Amino acid sequence: MTAPVASAGMLIRRPVPEVFEAFVDPAVTSRFWFTDGSGRLEPGVRVRWNWAMYGVGTEVVVKVIEPNRRVLIDWDVDSEPNEVEWRFEARGGDAWVTVENRGFGGAPEEQTARALDSTGGFTLVLAGAKIWLEHGIDPRFVVDRHPDARVKGWDG
């Protein structure tokens, strides 16, 4: 059996450098994905991303940064490590962004379930980035994905 890979892609109608920056600068990323990040993505750096609405966070380690082309990280490094890779490709004046999440642990059915969940999650992240970068609107996709799991009293 081939190991499952989560995959999502989206055309974002902004220049590649602007879209790339949105994924490496937590001040921008927090507008459409996590609530806060401990630092900018740079090669070899370990950062923490938090989702305050759910009371959770994760540690990631940056493996590769190819400016305006690629970001490769190890995700959930303290619990269930796996890889996430973003690729940025110019399509005219716009950016085609793909994300792959791979290396899931567990039994085959657990790996498949995690890949399916990750595909849905990263699709929402890319759609959120598109709406934020193209229109300046916070779509609240991530905060509204699991409303029953939100931290009581969180109103972000």
C-alpha atoms as a PDB file:
ATOM      1  CA  MET A   1       0.000   0.000   0.000  1.00  0.00           C
ATOM      2  CA  THR A   2       1.228   3.483  -0.844  1.00  0.00           C
ATOM      3  CA  ALA A   3       1.290   5.862   2.116  1.00  0.00           C
ATOM      4  CA  PRO A   4      -1.464   8.497   1.868  1.00  0.00           C
ATOM      5  CA  VAL A   5      -0.557  12.100   1.076  1.00  0.00           C
ATOM      6  CA  ALA A   6      -2.813  15.074   1.739  1.00  0.00           C
ATOM      7  CA  SER A   7      -2.787  17.513  -1.161  1.00  0.00           C
ATOM      8  CA  ALA A   8      -4.492  20.828  -1.911  1.00  0.00           C
ATOM      9  CA  GLY A   9      -3.967  23.602  -4.435  1.00  0.00           C
ATOM     10  CA  MET A  10      -5.376  27.072  -5.096  1.00  0.00           C
ATOM     11  CA  LEU A  11      -4.800  29.964  -7.477  1.00  0.00           C
ATOM     12  CA  ILE A  12      -4.329  33.132  -5.458  1.00  0.00           C
ATOM     13  CA  ARG A  13      -4.612  36.250  -7.585  1.00  0.00           C
ATOM     14  CA  ARG A  14      -1.642  38.051  -6.089  1.00  0.00           C
ATOM     15  CA  PRO A  15       2.071  37.997  -7.025  1.00  0.00           C
ATOM     16  CA  VAL A  16       4.110  35.037  -5.789  1.00  0.00           C
ATOM     17  CA  PRO A  17       6.360  37.135  -3.473  1.00  0.00           C
ATOM     18  CA  GLU A  18       3.309  38.503  -1.634  1.00  0.00           C
ATOM     19  CA  VAL A  19       1.721  35.071  -1.272  1.00  0.00           C
ATOM     20  CA  PHE A  20       4.997  33.465  -0.177  1.00  0.00           C
ATOM     21  CA  GLU A  21       5.433  36.176   2.467  1.00  0.00           C
ATOM     22  CA  ALA A  22       1.931  35.489   3.776  1.00  0.00           C
ATOM     23  CA  PHE A  23       2.980  31.945   4.681  1.00  0.00           C
ATOM     24  CA  VAL A  24       6.363  32.757   6.269  1.00  0.00           C
ATOM     25  CA  ASP A  25       5.352  35.864   8.268  1.00  0.00           C
ATOM     26  CA  PRO A  26       3.088  34.942  11.207  1.00  0.00           C
ATOM     27  CA  ALA A  27       1.710  38.499  11.340  1.00  0.00           C
ATOM     28  CA  VAL A  28       0.071  37.788   7.974  1.00  0.00           C
ATOM     29  CA  THR A  29      -0.621  34.070   8.409  1.00  0.00           C
ATOM     30  CA  SER A  30      -2.541  34.797  11.615  1.00  0.00           C
ATOM     31  CA  ARG A  31      -5.059  36.745   9.524  1.00  0.00           C
ATOM     32  CA  PHE A  32      -6.322  33.562   7.847  1.00  0.00           C
ATOM     33  CA  TRP A  33      -5.005  30.468   9.681  1.00  0.00           C
ATOM     34  CA  PHE A  34      -3.596  30.307  13.226  1.00  0.00           C
ATOM     35  CA  THR A  35      -4.104  32.956  15.910  1.00  0.00           C
ATOM     36  CA  ASP A  36      -0.409  33.545  16.576  1.00  0.00           C
ATOM     37  CA  GLY A  37       3.048  32.263  15.730  1.00  0.00           C
ATOM     38  CA  SER A  38       6.258  32.623  17.702  1.00  0.00           C
ATOM     39  CA  GLY A  39       8.384  33.689  14.753  1.00  0.00           C
ATOM     40  CA  ARG A  40       9.019  33.977  11.075  1.00  0.00           C
ATOM     41  CA  LEU A  41       9.806  30.823   9.110  1.00  0.00           C
ATOM     42  CA  GLU A  42      13.554  30.652   8.495  1.00  0.00           C
ATOM     43  CA  PRO A  43      15.724  27.578   7.759  1.00  0.00           C
ATOM     44  CA  GLY A  44      16.486  25.570  10.900  1.00  0.00           C
ATOM     45  CA  VAL A  45      14.143  27.582  13.121  1.00  0.00           C
ATOM     46  CA  ARG A  46      11.645  25.975  15.485  1.00  0.00           C
ATOM     47  CA  VAL A  47       8.413  27.945  15.885  1.00  0.00           C
ATOM     48  CA  ARG A  48       5.141  27.476  17.698  1.00  0.00           C
ATOM     49  CA  TRP A  49       1.779  28.038  16.069  1.00  0.00           C
ATOM     50  CA  ASN A  50      -1.306  28.464  18.271  1.00  0.00           C
ATOM     51  CA  TRP A  51      -5.018  28.229  17.628  1.00  0.00           C
ATOM     52  CA  ALA A  52      -6.330  30.029  20.704  1.00  0.00           C
ATOM     53  CA  MET A  53      -9.954  29.369  19.779  1.00  0.00           C
ATOM     54  CA  TYR A  54      -9.303  25.658  20.343  1.00  0.00           C
ATOM     55  CA  GLY A  55      -6.680  25.930  23.086  1.00  0.00           C
ATOM     56  CA  VAL A  56      -4.134  24.007  20.994  1.00  0.00           C
ATOM     57  CA  GLY A  57      -0.820  24.620  19.299  1.00  0.00           C
ATOM     58  CA  THR A  58       1.992  22.782  17.595  1.00  0.00           C
ATOM     59  CA  GLU A  59       5.725  23.044  17.195  1.00  0.00           C
ATOM     60  CA  VAL A  60       7.176  23.059  13.692  1.00  0.00           C
ATOM     61  CA  VAL A  61      10.768  22.956  12.497  1.00  0.00           C
ATOM     62  CA  VAL A  62      11.656  24.649   9.224  1.00  0.00           C
ATOM     63  CA  LYS A  63      13.703  22.331   7.035  1.00  0.00           C
ATOM     64  CA  VAL A  64      13.867  24.270   3.755  1.00  0.00           C
ATOM     65  CA  ILE A  65      13.053  27.782   2.581  1.00  0.00           C
ATOM     66  CA  GLU A  66      13.478  28.551  -1.104  1.00  0.00           C
ATOM     67  CA  PRO A  67      12.277  32.160  -1.342  1.00  0.00           C
ATOM     68  CA  ASN A  68       9.183  32.523  -3.513  1.00  0.00           C
ATOM     69  CA  ARG A  69       9.328  28.814  -4.435  1.00  0.00           C
ATOM     70  CA  ARG A  70       9.083  26.381  -1.539  1.00  0.00           C
ATOM     71  CA  VAL A  71       8.666  25.910   2.202  1.00  0.00           C
ATOM     72  CA  LEU A  72       9.245  22.509   3.859  1.00  0.00           C
ATOM     73  CA  ILE A  73       8.595  21.938   7.550  1.00  0.00           C
ATOM     74  CA  ASP A  74       8.314  19.138  10.058  1.00  0.00           C
ATOM     75  CA  TRP A  75       4.913  19.524  11.706  1.00  0.00           C
ATOM     76  CA  ASP A  76       3.838  18.289  15.167  1.00  0.00           C
ATOM     77  CA  VAL A  77       7.476  17.588  16.000  1.00  0.00           C
ATOM     78  CA  ASP A  78       6.758  16.767  19.658  1.00  0.00           C
ATOM     79  CA  SER A  79       3.841  14.403  19.127  1.00  0.00           C
ATOM     80  CA  GLU A  80       3.317  12.856  15.677  1.00  0.00           C
ATOM     81  CA  PRO A  81       5.934  14.285  13.294  1.00  0.00           C
ATOM     82  CA  ASN A  82       5.061  14.586   9.627  1.00  0.00           C
ATOM     83  CA  GLU A  83       6.083  16.823   6.735  1.00  0.00           C
ATOM     84  CA  VAL A  84       4.261  19.742   5.160  1.00  0.00           C
ATOM     85  CA  GLU A  85       5.477  21.295   1.924  1.00  0.00           C
ATOM     86  CA  TRP A  86       4.190  24.420   0.201  1.00  0.00           C
ATOM     87  CA  ARG A  87       5.145  25.189  -3.402  1.00  0.00           C
ATOM     88  CA  PHE A  88       4.600  28.550  -5.101  1.00  0.00           C
ATOM     89  CA  GLU A  89       4.448  28.830  -8.894  1.00  0.00           C
ATOM     90  CA  ALA A  90       3.816  31.941 -10.992  1.00  0.00           C
ATOM     91  CA  ARG A  91       0.819  31.749 -13.299  1.00  0.00           C
ATOM     92  CA  GLY A  92       0.932  35.011 -15.182  1.00  0.00           C
ATOM     93  CA  GLY A  93       0.969  37.629 -12.433  1.00  0.00           C
ATOM     94  CA  ASP A  94      -0.720  35.300  -9.946  1.00  0.00           C
ATOM     95  CA  ALA A  95       0.400  32.484  -7.628  1.00  0.00           C
ATOM     96  CA  TRP A  96      -0.517  28.815  -7.857  1.00  0.00           C
ATOM     97  CA  VAL A  97       0.032  27.388  -4.366  1.00  0.00           C
ATOM     98  CA  THR A  98       0.111  23.696  -3.561  1.00  0.00           C
ATOM     99  CA  VAL A  99       0.492  22.075  -0.177  1.00  0.00           C
ATOM    100  CA  GLU A 100       1.293  18.446   0.593  1.00  0.00           C
ATOM    101  CA  ASN A 101       1.226  16.808   3.999  1.00  0.00           C
ATOM    102  CA  ARG A 102       2.876  13.386   4.236  1.00  0.00           C
ATOM    103  CA  GLY A 103       4.511  10.921   6.589  1.00  0.00           C
ATOM    104  CA  PHE A 104       1.538  10.140   8.811  1.00  0.00           C
ATOM    105  CA  GLY A 105       2.059   7.568  11.538  1.00  0.00           C
ATOM    106  CA  GLY A 106      -0.259   4.867  12.775  1.00  0.00           C
ATOM    107  CA  ALA A 107      -2.114   2.004  11.176  1.00  0.00           C
ATOM    108  CA  PRO A 108      -3.086   2.353   7.500  1.00  0.00           C
ATOM    109  CA  GLU A 109      -6.677   3.354   8.306  1.00  0.00           C
ATOM    110  CA  GLU A 110      -5.416   6.010  10.764  1.00  0.00           C
ATOM    111  CA  GLN A 111      -3.023   7.372   8.145  1.00  0.00           C
ATOM    112  CA  THR A 112      -5.860   7.600   5.625  1.00  0.00           C
ATOM    113  CA  ALA A 113      -8.140   9.370   8.103  1.00  0.00           C
ATOM    114  CA  ARG A 114      -5.397  11.887   8.959  1.00  0.00           C
ATOM    115  CA  ALA A 115      -4.652  12.525   5.271  1.00  0.00           C
ATOM    116  CA  LEU A 116      -8.326  13.153   4.519  1.00  0.00           C
ATOM    117  CA  ASP A 117      -8.661  15.528   7.485  1.00  0.00           C
ATOM    118  CA  SER A 118      -5.465  17.318   6.498  1.00  0.00           C
ATOM    119  CA  THR A 119      -6.624  17.701   2.887  1.00  0.00           C
ATOM    120  CA  GLY A 120      -9.791  19.428   4.095  1.00  0.00           C
ATOM    121  CA  GLY A 121      -7.878  21.594   6.538  1.00  0.00           C
ATOM    122  CA  PHE A 122      -5.255  22.759   4.059  1.00  0.00           C
ATOM    123  CA  THR A 123      -7.940  23.423   1.453  1.00  0.00           C
ATOM    124  CA  LEU A 124      -9.571  25.806   3.945  1.00  0.00           C
ATOM    125  CA  VAL A 125      -6.202  27.420   4.713  1.00  0.00           C
ATOM    126  CA  LEU A 126      -5.560  28.079   1.025  1.00  0.00           C
ATOM    127  CA  ALA A 127      -9.096  29.392   0.509  1.00  0.00           C
ATOM    128  CA  GLY A 128      -8.674  31.638   3.556  1.00  0.00           C
ATOM    129  CA  ALA A 129      -5.349  32.936   2.233  1.00  0.00           C
ATOM    130  CA  LYS A 130      -6.994  33.656  -1.124  1.00  0.00           C
ATOM    131  CA  ILE A 131      -9.847  35.654   0.419  1.00  0.00           C
ATOM    132  CA  TRP A 132      -7.521  37.558   2.773  1.00  0.00           C
ATOM    133  CA  LEU A 133      -4.873  38.379   0.172  1.00  0.00           C
ATOM    134  CA  GLU A 134      -7.265  39.204  -2.659  1.00  0.00           C
ATOM    135  CA  HIS A 135      -9.988  41.011  -0.706  1.00  0.00           C
ATOM    136  CA  GLY A 136      -8.725  41.769   2.824  1.00  0.00           C
ATOM    137  CA  ILE A 137     -11.556  39.732   4.355  1.00  0.00           C
ATOM    138  CA  ASP A 138     -11.036  37.299   7.238  1.00  0.00           C
ATOM    139  CA  PRO A 139     -13.297  34.417   6.200  1.00  0.00           C
ATOM    140  CA  ARG A 140     -13.128  32.792   9.677  1.00  0.00           C
ATOM    141  CA  PHE A 141     -12.918  29.360   8.044  1.00  0.00           C
ATOM    142  CA  VAL A 142     -10.564  27.936  10.644  1.00  0.00           C
ATOM    143  CA  VAL A 143     -12.394  29.343  13.665  1.00  0.00           C
ATOM    144  CA  ASP A 144     -15.748  28.141  12.314  1.00  0.00           C
ATOM    145  CA  ARG A 145     -14.597  24.687  11.207  1.00  0.00           C
ATOM    146  CA  HIS A 146     -15.166  23.120  14.648  1.00  0.00           C
ATOM    147  CA  PRO A 147     -17.489  25.478  16.564  1.00  0.00           C
ATOM    148  CA  ASP A 148     -18.241  22.895  19.282  1.00  0.00           C
ATOM    149  CA  ALA A 149     -14.523  22.520  20.039  1.00  0.00           C
ATOM    150  CA  ARG A 150     -13.899  26.211  20.708  1.00  0.00           C
ATOM    151  CA  VAL A 151     -12.572  27.235  24.101  1.00  0.00           C
ATOM    152  CA  LYS A 152     -15.477  28.417  26.230  1.00  0.00           C
ATOM    153  CA  GLY A 153     -15.566  32.197  26.300  1.00  0.00           C
ATOM    154  CA  TRP A 154     -13.248  32.652  23.309  1.00  0.00           C
ATOM    155  CA  ASP A 155     -14.680  35.389  21.121  1.00  0.00           C
ATOM    156  CA  GLY A 156     -11.711  36.259  18.849  1.00  0.00           C
END
